[in-house]
Amino acid sequence: MQQLVEEFGIVTATAGKVNVGLKKEGLVHAEVGTGSFVTADAPAILGDARAKEKEEAT
């Protein structure tokens, strides 16, 4: 989370909300004592979301 704070210049509370949102979407998972990591399914989840957006836009 500290990386998000430093890289994007946001406050810790905002970084926490981002992390919760990413977990809800299935894009990251947390490992106690080590941190949060991108899931193996993230590329497929994002691809499906982009396809759905394109479909809705037409």
PDB file of N, CA and C in Angstrom:
ATOM      1  N   MET A   1       0.830  -1.182   0.000  1.00  0.00           N
ATOM      2  CA  MET A   1       0.000   0.000   0.000  1.00  0.00           C
ATOM      3  C   MET A   1       0.880   1.252   0.000  1.00  0.00           C
ATOM      4  N   GLN A   2       1.981   1.191   0.694  1.00  0.00           N
ATOM      5  CA  GLN A   2       2.880   2.348   0.742  1.00  0.00           C
ATOM      6  C   GLN A   2       3.374   2.709  -0.655  1.00  0.00           C
ATOM      7  N   GLN A   3       3.534   1.708  -1.500  1.00  0.00           N
ATOM      8  CA  GLN A   3       3.952   1.954  -2.873  1.00  0.00           C
ATOM      9  C   GLN A   3       2.921   2.798  -3.626  1.00  0.00           C
ATOM     10  N   LEU A   4       1.629   2.493  -3.427  1.00  0.00           N
ATOM     11  CA  LEU A   4       0.566   3.280  -4.056  1.00  0.00           C
ATOM     12  C   LEU A   4       0.612   4.721  -3.574  1.00  0.00           C
ATOM     13  N   VAL A   5       0.800   4.888  -2.277  1.00  0.00           N
ATOM     14  CA  VAL A   5       0.839   6.218  -1.681  1.00  0.00           C
ATOM     15  C   VAL A   5       1.966   7.047  -2.300  1.00  0.00           C
ATOM     16  N   GLU A   6       3.127   6.443  -2.393  1.00  0.00           N
ATOM     17  CA  GLU A   6       4.282   7.165  -2.915  1.00  0.00           C
ATOM     18  C   GLU A   6       4.186   7.402  -4.421  1.00  0.00           C
ATOM     19  N   GLU A   7       3.795   6.371  -5.160  1.00  0.00           N
ATOM     20  CA  GLU A   7       3.773   6.481  -6.615  1.00  0.00           C
ATOM     21  C   GLU A   7       2.711   7.435  -7.132  1.00  0.00           C
ATOM     22  N   PHE A   8       1.528   7.417  -6.509  1.00  0.00           N
ATOM     23  CA  PHE A   8       0.423   8.218  -7.015  1.00  0.00           C
ATOM     24  C   PHE A   8       0.132   9.463  -6.174  1.00  0.00           C
ATOM     25  N   GLY A   9       0.870   9.642  -5.098  1.00  0.00           N
ATOM     26  CA  GLY A   9       0.694  10.828  -4.270  1.00  0.00           C
ATOM     27  C   GLY A   9      -0.672  10.884  -3.599  1.00  0.00           C
ATOM     28  N   ILE A  10      -1.161   9.740  -3.143  1.00  0.00           N
ATOM     29  CA  ILE A  10      -2.469   9.682  -2.474  1.00  0.00           C
ATOM     30  C   ILE A  10      -2.273   9.401  -0.995  1.00  0.00           C
ATOM     31  N   VAL A  11      -3.307   9.637  -0.212  1.00  0.00           N
ATOM     32  CA  VAL A  11      -3.225   9.365   1.227  1.00  0.00           C
ATOM     33  C   VAL A  11      -3.454   7.879   1.485  1.00  0.00           C
ATOM     34  N   THR A  12      -3.018   7.425   2.630  1.00  0.00           N
ATOM     35  CA  THR A  12      -3.100   6.009   2.982  1.00  0.00           C
ATOM     36  C   THR A  12      -4.537   5.495   2.953  1.00  0.00           C
ATOM     37  N   ALA A  13      -5.485   6.306   3.412  1.00  0.00           N
ATOM     38  CA  ALA A  13      -6.887   5.869   3.415  1.00  0.00           C
ATOM     39  C   ALA A  13      -7.382   5.583   2.001  1.00  0.00           C
ATOM     40  N   THR A  14      -6.988   6.408   1.054  1.00  0.00           N
ATOM     41  CA  THR A  14      -7.387   6.197  -0.343  1.00  0.00           C
ATOM     42  C   THR A  14      -6.751   4.928  -0.887  1.00  0.00           C
ATOM     43  N   ALA A  15      -5.484   4.711  -0.582  1.00  0.00           N
ATOM     44  CA  ALA A  15      -4.805   3.496  -1.027  1.00  0.00           C
ATOM     45  C   ALA A  15      -5.495   2.257  -0.449  1.00  0.00           C
ATOM     46  N   GLY A  16      -5.943   2.354   0.787  1.00  0.00           N
ATOM     47  CA  GLY A  16      -6.661   1.240   1.400  1.00  0.00           C
ATOM     48  C   GLY A  16      -7.963   0.946   0.670  1.00  0.00           C
ATOM     49  N   LYS A  17      -8.689   2.001   0.286  1.00  0.00           N
ATOM     50  CA  LYS A  17      -9.942   1.819  -0.448  1.00  0.00           C
ATOM     51  C   LYS A  17      -9.684   1.203  -1.819  1.00  0.00           C
ATOM     52  N   VAL A  18      -8.613   1.623  -2.469  1.00  0.00           N
ATOM     53  CA  VAL A  18      -8.242   1.046  -3.769  1.00  0.00           C
ATOM     54  C   VAL A  18      -7.978  -0.447  -3.602  1.00  0.00           C
ATOM     55  N   ASN A  19      -7.229  -0.795  -2.577  1.00  0.00           N
ATOM     56  CA  ASN A  19      -6.889  -2.196  -2.333  1.00  0.00           C
ATOM     57  C   ASN A  19      -8.147  -3.033  -2.080  1.00  0.00           C
ATOM     58  N   VAL A  20      -9.078  -2.509  -1.300  1.00  0.00           N
ATOM     59  CA  VAL A  20     -10.334  -3.218  -1.030  1.00  0.00           C
ATOM     60  C   VAL A  20     -11.108  -3.420  -2.329  1.00  0.00           C
ATOM     61  N   GLY A  21     -11.170  -2.380  -3.162  1.00  0.00           N
ATOM     62  CA  GLY A  21     -11.876  -2.484  -4.442  1.00  0.00           C
ATOM     63  C   GLY A  21     -11.254  -3.520  -5.360  1.00  0.00           C
ATOM     64  N   LEU A  22      -9.933  -3.537  -5.420  1.00  0.00           N
ATOM     65  CA  LEU A  22      -9.241  -4.515  -6.261  1.00  0.00           C
ATOM     66  C   LEU A  22      -9.482  -5.941  -5.766  1.00  0.00           C
ATOM     67  N   LYS A  23      -9.534  -6.108  -4.457  1.00  0.00           N
ATOM     68  CA  LYS A  23      -9.828  -7.434  -3.889  1.00  0.00           C
ATOM     69  C   LYS A  23     -11.244  -7.863  -4.255  1.00  0.00           C
ATOM     70  N   LYS A  24     -12.206  -6.944  -4.139  1.00  0.00           N
ATOM     71  CA  LYS A  24     -13.601  -7.267  -4.471  1.00  0.00           C
ATOM     72  C   LYS A  24     -13.743  -7.678  -5.931  1.00  0.00           C
ATOM     73  N   GLU A  25     -12.962  -7.056  -6.806  1.00  0.00           N
ATOM     74  CA  GLU A  25     -13.009  -7.369  -8.230  1.00  0.00           C
ATOM     75  C   GLU A  25     -12.245  -8.651  -8.563  1.00  0.00           C
ATOM     76  N   GLY A  26     -11.536  -9.184  -7.590  1.00  0.00           N
ATOM     77  CA  GLY A  26     -10.772 -10.411  -7.815  1.00  0.00           C
ATOM     78  C   GLY A  26      -9.441 -10.181  -8.507  1.00  0.00           C
ATOM     79  N   LEU A  27      -8.966  -8.936  -8.487  1.00  0.00           N
ATOM     80  CA  LEU A  27      -7.720  -8.611  -9.176  1.00  0.00           C
ATOM     81  C   LEU A  27      -6.482  -8.778  -8.300  1.00  0.00           C
ATOM     82  N   VAL A  28      -6.660  -8.719  -6.990  1.00  0.00           N
ATOM     83  CA  VAL A  28      -5.539  -8.929  -6.075  1.00  0.00           C
ATOM     84  C   VAL A  28      -5.979  -9.855  -4.944  1.00  0.00           C
ATOM     85  N   HIS A  29      -4.998 -10.466  -4.306  1.00  0.00           N
ATOM     86  CA  HIS A  29      -5.256 -11.264  -3.113  1.00  0.00           C
ATOM     87  C   HIS A  29      -4.192 -10.915  -2.079  1.00  0.00           C
ATOM     88  N   ALA A  30      -4.549 -11.053  -0.833  1.00  0.00           N
ATOM     89  CA  ALA A  30      -3.633 -10.707   0.250  1.00  0.00           C
ATOM     90  C   ALA A  30      -3.048 -11.965   0.864  1.00  0.00           C
ATOM     91  N   GLU A  31      -1.780 -11.880   1.188  1.00  0.00           N
ATOM     92  CA  GLU A  31      -1.101 -12.942   1.919  1.00  0.00           C
ATOM     93  C   GLU A  31      -0.607 -12.334   3.221  1.00  0.00           C
ATOM     94  N   VAL A  32      -1.113 -12.868   4.311  1.00  0.00           N
ATOM     95  CA  VAL A  32      -0.784 -12.318   5.625  1.00  0.00           C
ATOM     96  C   VAL A  32       0.733 -12.313   5.826  1.00  0.00           C
ATOM     97  N   GLY A  33       1.232 -11.170   6.233  1.00  0.00           N
ATOM     98  CA  GLY A  33       2.654 -11.037   6.516  1.00  0.00           C
ATOM     99  C   GLY A  33       3.520 -10.702   5.318  1.00  0.00           C
ATOM    100  N   THR A  34       2.956 -10.782   4.102  1.00  0.00           N
ATOM    101  CA  THR A  34       3.776 -10.473   2.926  1.00  0.00           C
ATOM    102  C   THR A  34       3.198  -9.350   2.078  1.00  0.00           C
ATOM    103  N   GLY A  35       1.885  -9.236   1.973  1.00  0.00           N
ATOM    104  CA  GLY A  35       1.293  -8.146   1.218  1.00  0.00           C
ATOM    105  C   GLY A  35       0.213  -8.586   0.260  1.00  0.00           C
ATOM    106  N   SER A  36      -0.122  -7.694  -0.654  1.00  0.00           N
ATOM    107  CA  SER A  36      -1.154  -7.954  -1.665  1.00  0.00           C
ATOM    108  C   SER A  36      -0.488  -8.175  -3.008  1.00  0.00           C
ATOM    109  N   PHE A  37      -1.043  -9.108  -3.776  1.00  0.00           N
ATOM    110  CA  PHE A  37      -0.449  -9.489  -5.044  1.00  0.00           C
ATOM    111  C   PHE A  37      -1.521  -9.607  -6.116  1.00  0.00           C
ATOM    112  N   VAL A  38      -1.161  -9.330  -7.354  1.00  0.00           N
ATOM    113  CA  VAL A  38      -2.068  -9.475  -8.480  1.00  0.00           C
ATOM    114  C   VAL A  38      -2.384 -10.962  -8.663  1.00  0.00           C
ATOM    115  N   THR A  39      -3.661 -11.272  -8.868  1.00  0.00           N
ATOM    116  CA  THR A  39      -4.059 -12.665  -9.053  1.00  0.00           C
ATOM    117  C   THR A  39      -3.703 -13.151 -10.450  1.00  0.00           C
ATOM    118  N   ALA A  40      -3.584 -14.446 -10.588  1.00  0.00           N
ATOM    119  CA  ALA A  40      -3.300 -15.047 -11.893  1.00  0.00           C
ATOM    120  C   ALA A  40      -4.449 -14.794 -12.871  1.00  0.00           C
ATOM    121  N   ASP A  41      -5.664 -14.638 -12.350  1.00  0.00           N
ATOM    122  CA  ASP A  41      -6.852 -14.414 -13.180  1.00  0.00           C
ATOM    123  C   ASP A  41      -7.036 -12.960 -13.610  1.00  0.00           C
ATOM    124  N   ALA A  42      -6.231 -12.048 -13.108  1.00  0.00           N
ATOM    125  CA  ALA A  42      -6.419 -10.619 -13.379  1.00  0.00           C
ATOM    126  C   ALA A  42      -6.490 -10.285 -14.872  1.00  0.00           C
ATOM    127  N   PRO A  43      -5.588 -10.815 -15.717  1.00  0.00           N
ATOM    128  CA  PRO A  43      -5.686 -10.471 -17.146  1.00  0.00           C
ATOM    129  C   PRO A  43      -7.023 -10.887 -17.764  1.00  0.00           C
ATOM    130  N   ALA A  44      -7.520 -12.048 -17.403  1.00  0.00           N
ATOM    131  CA  ALA A  44      -8.797 -12.511 -17.942  1.00  0.00           C
ATOM    132  C   ALA A  44      -9.948 -11.662 -17.419  1.00  0.00           C
ATOM    133  N   ILE A  45      -9.911 -11.314 -16.155  1.00  0.00           N
ATOM    134  CA  ILE A  45     -10.958 -10.480 -15.564  1.00  0.00           C
ATOM    135  C   ILE A  45     -10.999  -9.117 -16.251  1.00  0.00           C
ATOM    136  N   LEU A  46      -9.845  -8.527 -16.464  1.00  0.00           N
ATOM    137  CA  LEU A  46      -9.792  -7.225 -17.131  1.00  0.00           C
ATOM    138  C   LEU A  46     -10.225  -7.329 -18.587  1.00  0.00           C
ATOM    139  N   GLY A  47      -9.821  -8.395 -19.255  1.00  0.00           N
ATOM    140  CA  GLY A  47     -10.233  -8.597 -20.643  1.00  0.00           C
ATOM    141  C   GLY A  47     -11.736  -8.723 -20.769  1.00  0.00           C
ATOM    142  N   ASP A  48     -12.346  -9.475 -19.870  1.00  0.00           N
ATOM    143  CA  ASP A  48     -13.805  -9.622 -19.869  1.00  0.00           C
ATOM    144  C   ASP A  48     -14.492  -8.288 -19.617  1.00  0.00           C
ATOM    145  N   ALA A  49     -13.949  -7.502 -18.690  1.00  0.00           N
ATOM    146  CA  ALA A  49     -14.539  -6.197 -18.380  1.00  0.00           C
ATOM    147  C   ALA A  49     -14.443  -5.259 -19.579  1.00  0.00           C
ATOM    148  N   ARG A  50     -13.308  -5.284 -20.259  1.00  0.00           N
ATOM    149  CA  ARG A  50     -13.148  -4.422 -21.443  1.00  0.00           C
ATOM    150  C   ARG A  50     -14.091  -4.849 -22.560  1.00  0.00           C
ATOM    151  N   ALA A  51     -14.234  -6.143 -22.751  1.00  0.00           N
ATOM    152  CA  ALA A  51     -15.157  -6.641 -23.788  1.00  0.00           C
ATOM    153  C   ALA A  51     -16.583  -6.220 -23.481  1.00  0.00           C
ATOM    154  N   LYS A  52     -16.964  -6.287 -22.205  1.00  0.00           N
ATOM    155  CA  LYS A  52     -18.306  -5.898 -21.795  1.00  0.00           C
ATOM    156  C   LYS A  52     -18.523  -4.398 -22.034  1.00  0.00           C
ATOM    157  N   GLU A  53     -17.517  -3.591 -21.730  1.00  0.00           N
ATOM    158  CA  GLU A  53     -17.624  -2.148 -21.968  1.00  0.00           C
ATOM    159  C   GLU A  53     -17.815  -1.849 -23.461  1.00  0.00           C
ATOM    160  N   LYS A  54     -17.045  -2.518 -24.305  1.00  0.00           N
ATOM    161  CA  LYS A  54     -17.170  -2.312 -25.744  1.00  0.00           C
ATOM    162  C   LYS A  54     -18.557  -2.714 -26.220  1.00  0.00           C
ATOM    163  N   GLU A  55     -19.061  -3.837 -25.715  1.00  0.00           N
ATOM    164  CA  GLU A  55     -20.373  -4.318 -26.095  1.00  0.00           C
ATOM    165  C   GLU A  55     -21.452  -3.331 -25.681  1.00  0.00           C
ATOM    166  N   GLU A  56     -21.336  -2.775 -24.496  1.00  0.00           N
ATOM    167  CA  GLU A  56     -22.325  -1.828 -24.000  1.00  0.00           C
ATOM    168  C   GLU A  56     -22.262  -0.500 -24.746  1.00  0.00           C
ATOM    169  N   ALA A  57     -21.089  -0.171 -25.274  1.00  0.00           N
ATOM    170  CA  ALA A  57     -20.914   1.098 -25.979  1.00  0.00           C
ATOM    171  C   ALA A  57     -21.525   1.069 -27.385  1.00  0.00           C
ATOM    172  N   THR A  58     -21.760  -0.127 -27.912  1.00  0.00           N
ATOM    173  CA  THR A  58     -22.307  -0.224 -29.272  1.00  0.00           C
ATOM    174  C   THR A  58     -23.798  -0.346 -29.271  1.00  0.00           C
TER     175      THR A  58
END
